[in-house]
Amino acid sequence: MIQRELKRVKLVVKYSKKRQEILFELKKERNLDKIFVLQKKLQSMPPNSLPIRLRNRCWKTGRSRGVYRDFGLSRHVIREMAHQCLLPGLIKASW
């Protein structure tokens, strides 16, 4: 899964400029036939080159759910590292 995500990142970077140019042309275009041609160009791009396909993953375990953006780690790893005092400024809540 991690390798698949890295492949998607590469595809997004590779096609981002081309996708932006086509979308810019599509916004200002008024001719219906030209709009259809531009839409066809967008659809011919690989589906994994869409930025919406990217998913935040834990850089240590590759887990996709419960990932904190500040650390880039999943909640399980954050808890373990907090118990080992590896994350500065993070304390366990108690009430």
N, C-alpha and C. Protein backbone atom coordinates (compact mmCIF):
# COMPACT_ATOMS: atom_id res chain seq x y z
N MET A 1 0.82 -1.20 0.00
CA MET A 1 0.00 0.00 0.00
C MET A 1 0.86 1.26 0.00
N ILE A 2 1.98 1.20 0.72
CA ILE A 2 2.87 2.36 0.78
C ILE A 2 3.46 2.64 -0.60
N GLN A 3 3.88 1.58 -1.30
CA GLN A 3 4.45 1.75 -2.63
C GLN A 3 3.40 2.28 -3.61
N ARG A 4 2.17 1.83 -3.47
CA ARG A 4 1.09 2.31 -4.32
C ARG A 4 0.87 3.80 -4.11
N GLU A 5 0.93 4.21 -2.84
CA GLU A 5 0.75 5.63 -2.52
C GLU A 5 1.89 6.47 -3.08
N LEU A 6 3.12 5.96 -3.02
CA LEU A 6 4.26 6.67 -3.59
C LEU A 6 4.13 6.80 -5.11
N LYS A 7 3.61 5.75 -5.74
CA LYS A 7 3.38 5.80 -7.18
C LYS A 7 2.35 6.87 -7.52
N ARG A 8 1.31 6.98 -6.69
CA ARG A 8 0.30 8.01 -6.93
C ARG A 8 0.88 9.41 -6.77
N VAL A 9 1.75 9.59 -5.78
CA VAL A 9 2.37 10.90 -5.57
C VAL A 9 3.19 11.29 -6.80
N LYS A 10 3.94 10.34 -7.34
CA LYS A 10 4.73 10.63 -8.54
C LYS A 10 3.84 11.01 -9.73
N LEU A 11 2.73 10.29 -9.89
CA LEU A 11 1.82 10.59 -10.99
C LEU A 11 1.16 11.95 -10.82
N VAL A 12 0.80 12.31 -9.59
CA VAL A 12 0.18 13.61 -9.35
C VAL A 12 1.15 14.72 -9.70
N VAL A 13 2.41 14.56 -9.30
CA VAL A 13 3.42 15.58 -9.61
C VAL A 13 3.67 15.66 -11.11
N LYS A 14 3.71 14.51 -11.76
CA LYS A 14 4.01 14.46 -13.18
C LYS A 14 2.93 15.15 -14.01
N TYR A 15 1.66 14.93 -13.68
CA TYR A 15 0.57 15.43 -14.49
C TYR A 15 -0.07 16.71 -13.95
N SER A 16 0.41 17.25 -12.86
CA SER A 16 -0.26 18.41 -12.26
C SER A 16 -0.24 19.63 -13.16
N LYS A 17 0.91 19.91 -13.78
CA LYS A 17 1.01 21.09 -14.65
C LYS A 17 0.10 20.96 -15.87
N LYS A 18 0.13 19.79 -16.48
CA LYS A 18 -0.70 19.55 -17.66
C LYS A 18 -2.19 19.65 -17.29
N ARG A 19 -2.55 19.09 -16.15
CA ARG A 19 -3.94 19.13 -15.70
C ARG A 19 -4.39 20.57 -15.43
N GLN A 20 -3.52 21.38 -14.82
CA GLN A 20 -3.85 22.78 -14.54
C GLN A 20 -4.05 23.57 -15.82
N GLU A 21 -3.21 23.32 -16.82
CA GLU A 21 -3.34 24.02 -18.10
C GLU A 21 -4.67 23.68 -18.78
N ILE A 22 -5.02 22.40 -18.78
CA ILE A 22 -6.27 22.00 -19.42
C ILE A 22 -7.46 22.58 -18.67
N LEU A 23 -7.42 22.59 -17.35
CA LEU A 23 -8.52 23.15 -16.57
C LEU A 23 -8.64 24.66 -16.78
N PHE A 24 -7.51 25.34 -16.93
CA PHE A 24 -7.54 26.78 -17.19
C PHE A 24 -8.19 27.06 -18.55
N GLU A 25 -7.81 26.28 -19.55
CA GLU A 25 -8.41 26.43 -20.88
C GLU A 25 -9.90 26.12 -20.84
N LEU A 26 -10.25 25.12 -20.06
CA LEU A 26 -11.65 24.71 -19.96
C LEU A 26 -12.52 25.80 -19.32
N LYS A 27 -11.96 26.52 -18.37
CA LYS A 27 -12.72 27.59 -17.71
C LYS A 27 -13.05 28.74 -18.65
N LYS A 28 -12.10 29.09 -19.50
CA LYS A 28 -12.32 30.25 -20.36
C LYS A 28 -12.94 29.89 -21.71
N GLU A 29 -13.09 28.61 -22.01
CA GLU A 29 -13.62 28.18 -23.31
C GLU A 29 -15.14 28.31 -23.36
N ARG A 30 -15.67 28.78 -24.49
CA ARG A 30 -17.11 28.95 -24.67
C ARG A 30 -17.67 28.03 -25.76
N ASN A 31 -16.82 27.53 -26.64
CA ASN A 31 -17.24 26.65 -27.73
C ASN A 31 -17.51 25.25 -27.17
N LEU A 32 -18.69 24.72 -27.41
CA LEU A 32 -19.08 23.43 -26.85
C LEU A 32 -18.23 22.28 -27.38
N ASP A 33 -17.90 22.30 -28.67
CA ASP A 33 -17.07 21.24 -29.25
C ASP A 33 -15.68 21.23 -28.63
N LYS A 34 -15.13 22.42 -28.42
CA LYS A 34 -13.80 22.53 -27.80
C LYS A 34 -13.84 22.06 -26.34
N ILE A 35 -14.95 22.33 -25.66
CA ILE A 35 -15.10 21.86 -24.28
C ILE A 35 -15.10 20.34 -24.23
N PHE A 36 -15.77 19.70 -25.18
CA PHE A 36 -15.79 18.24 -25.24
C PHE A 36 -14.39 17.67 -25.48
N VAL A 37 -13.63 18.33 -26.33
CA VAL A 37 -12.26 17.87 -26.62
C VAL A 37 -11.40 17.99 -25.37
N LEU A 38 -11.53 19.10 -24.66
CA LEU A 38 -10.74 19.29 -23.43
C LEU A 38 -11.14 18.30 -22.35
N GLN A 39 -12.43 18.01 -22.23
CA GLN A 39 -12.90 17.02 -21.26
C GLN A 39 -12.34 15.63 -21.60
N LYS A 40 -12.28 15.34 -22.87
CA LYS A 40 -11.73 14.05 -23.31
C LYS A 40 -10.25 13.93 -22.93
N LYS A 41 -9.51 15.05 -23.05
CA LYS A 41 -8.10 15.07 -22.66
C LYS A 41 -7.95 14.80 -21.16
N LEU A 42 -8.83 15.43 -20.38
CA LEU A 42 -8.78 15.21 -18.93
C LEU A 42 -9.09 13.75 -18.58
N GLN A 43 -10.06 13.17 -19.26
CA GLN A 43 -10.45 11.79 -18.98
C GLN A 43 -9.40 10.78 -19.44
N SER A 44 -8.56 11.18 -20.41
CA SER A 44 -7.55 10.25 -20.91
C SER A 44 -6.34 10.16 -19.98
N MET A 45 -6.23 11.09 -19.03
CA MET A 45 -5.13 11.03 -18.06
C MET A 45 -5.35 9.87 -17.10
N PRO A 46 -4.25 9.35 -16.52
CA PRO A 46 -4.41 8.24 -15.58
C PRO A 46 -5.25 8.65 -14.37
N PRO A 47 -6.14 7.78 -13.91
CA PRO A 47 -6.98 8.12 -12.76
C PRO A 47 -6.17 8.37 -11.48
N ASN A 48 -5.04 7.71 -11.35
CA ASN A 48 -4.23 7.90 -10.14
C ASN A 48 -3.46 9.21 -10.15
N SER A 49 -3.58 9.99 -11.21
CA SER A 49 -2.91 11.28 -11.23
C SER A 49 -3.78 12.38 -10.63
N LEU A 50 -4.97 12.02 -10.18
CA LEU A 50 -5.84 12.99 -9.51
C LEU A 50 -5.36 13.23 -8.09
N PRO A 51 -5.25 14.49 -7.66
CA PRO A 51 -4.79 14.76 -6.30
C PRO A 51 -5.75 14.23 -5.23
N ILE A 52 -7.01 14.05 -5.57
CA ILE A 52 -7.99 13.57 -4.60
C ILE A 52 -7.73 12.12 -4.21
N ARG A 53 -6.97 11.41 -5.03
CA ARG A 53 -6.68 10.01 -4.75
C ARG A 53 -5.61 9.83 -3.67
N LEU A 54 -4.89 10.90 -3.36
CA LEU A 54 -3.84 10.79 -2.34
C LEU A 54 -4.47 10.62 -0.97
N ARG A 55 -3.79 9.89 -0.11
CA ARG A 55 -4.30 9.62 1.24
C ARG A 55 -3.15 9.83 2.21
N ASN A 56 -3.45 10.48 3.34
CA ASN A 56 -2.43 10.65 4.37
C ASN A 56 -2.12 9.30 4.99
N ARG A 57 -0.85 8.98 5.09
CA ARG A 57 -0.43 7.71 5.68
C ARG A 57 0.64 7.96 6.72
N CYS A 58 0.68 7.07 7.70
CA CYS A 58 1.72 7.11 8.73
C CYS A 58 3.04 6.77 8.06
N TRP A 59 4.06 7.59 8.29
CA TRP A 59 5.34 7.33 7.62
C TRP A 59 6.07 6.16 8.25
N LYS A 60 5.67 5.76 9.44
CA LYS A 60 6.36 4.65 10.10
C LYS A 60 5.70 3.30 9.80
N THR A 61 4.37 3.25 9.87
CA THR A 61 3.68 1.97 9.69
C THR A 61 2.91 1.87 8.39
N GLY A 62 2.57 3.01 7.77
CA GLY A 62 1.80 2.99 6.55
C GLY A 62 0.30 2.96 6.79
N ARG A 63 -0.11 3.06 8.04
CA ARG A 63 -1.54 3.04 8.36
C ARG A 63 -2.20 4.30 7.81
N SER A 64 -3.42 4.12 7.24
CA SER A 64 -4.07 5.24 6.58
C SER A 64 -5.12 5.92 7.45
N ARG A 65 -5.49 5.32 8.54
CA ARG A 65 -6.54 5.89 9.37
C ARG A 65 -5.96 6.38 10.69
N GLY A 66 -6.52 7.44 11.19
CA GLY A 66 -6.07 7.98 12.47
C GLY A 66 -4.69 8.61 12.39
N VAL A 67 -4.40 9.30 11.29
CA VAL A 67 -3.09 9.91 11.09
C VAL A 67 -3.16 11.37 11.50
N TYR A 68 -2.26 11.78 12.38
CA TYR A 68 -2.18 13.18 12.81
C TYR A 68 -1.26 13.92 11.86
N ARG A 69 -1.75 15.04 11.30
CA ARG A 69 -0.97 15.80 10.33
C ARG A 69 0.28 16.40 10.94
N ASP A 70 0.19 16.84 12.19
CA ASP A 70 1.32 17.51 12.83
C ASP A 70 2.55 16.61 12.89
N PHE A 71 2.33 15.34 13.13
CA PHE A 71 3.43 14.40 13.28
C PHE A 71 3.63 13.51 12.06
N GLY A 72 2.57 13.27 11.30
CA GLY A 72 2.63 12.34 10.18
C GLY A 72 2.62 10.91 10.66
N LEU A 73 2.13 10.71 11.87
CA LEU A 73 2.10 9.39 12.49
C LEU A 73 0.67 9.00 12.83
N SER A 74 0.41 7.69 12.89
CA SER A 74 -0.91 7.23 13.29
C SER A 74 -1.04 7.31 14.82
N ARG A 75 -2.26 7.23 15.28
CA ARG A 75 -2.52 7.38 16.71
C ARG A 75 -1.85 6.30 17.55
N HIS A 76 -1.72 5.10 16.99
CA HIS A 76 -1.07 4.02 17.73
C HIS A 76 0.41 4.32 17.95
N VAL A 77 1.07 4.78 16.91
CA VAL A 77 2.50 5.08 17.00
C VAL A 77 2.74 6.28 17.91
N ILE A 78 1.86 7.28 17.82
CA ILE A 78 2.01 8.45 18.69
C ILE A 78 1.91 8.03 20.15
N ARG A 79 0.97 7.15 20.46
CA ARG A 79 0.81 6.70 21.85
C ARG A 79 2.05 5.96 22.34
N GLU A 80 2.57 5.06 21.50
CA GLU A 80 3.77 4.32 21.89
C GLU A 80 4.96 5.25 22.09
N MET A 81 5.14 6.20 21.15
CA MET A 81 6.27 7.11 21.25
C MET A 81 6.11 8.06 22.44
N ALA A 82 4.89 8.44 22.76
CA ALA A 82 4.66 9.31 23.92
C ALA A 82 5.01 8.58 25.21
N HIS A 83 4.68 7.30 25.29
CA HIS A 83 5.02 6.51 26.48
C HIS A 83 6.54 6.36 26.64
N GLN A 84 7.25 6.34 25.51
CA GLN A 84 8.71 6.21 25.56
C GLN A 84 9.41 7.56 25.64
N CYS A 85 8.63 8.65 25.74
CA CYS A 85 9.16 10.02 25.82
C CYS A 85 9.98 10.40 24.59
N LEU A 86 9.55 9.96 23.42
CA LEU A 86 10.25 10.28 22.18
C LEU A 86 9.67 11.51 21.49
N LEU A 87 8.48 11.93 21.89
CA LEU A 87 7.87 13.12 21.31
C LEU A 87 7.91 14.24 22.34
N PRO A 88 8.73 15.26 22.12
CA PRO A 88 8.85 16.32 23.11
C PRO A 88 7.58 17.16 23.21
N GLY A 89 7.19 17.50 24.42
CA GLY A 89 6.03 18.35 24.65
C GLY A 89 4.72 17.61 24.67
N LEU A 90 4.74 16.32 24.49
CA LEU A 90 3.50 15.54 24.46
C LEU A 90 3.37 14.79 25.77
N ILE A 91 2.27 15.02 26.47
CA ILE A 91 2.05 14.32 27.75
C ILE A 91 0.74 13.56 27.68
N LYS A 92 0.66 12.51 28.44
CA LYS A 92 -0.55 11.70 28.48
C LYS A 92 -1.60 12.41 29.32
N ALA A 93 -2.81 12.46 28.81
CA ALA A 93 -3.88 13.13 29.54
C ALA A 93 -4.34 12.24 30.70
N SER A 94 -4.63 12.88 31.82
CA SER A 94 -5.21 12.16 32.95
C SER A 94 -6.14 13.10 33.69
N TRP A 95 -7.31 12.60 34.04
CA TRP A 95 -8.28 13.42 34.76
C TRP A 95 -9.05 12.62 35.76
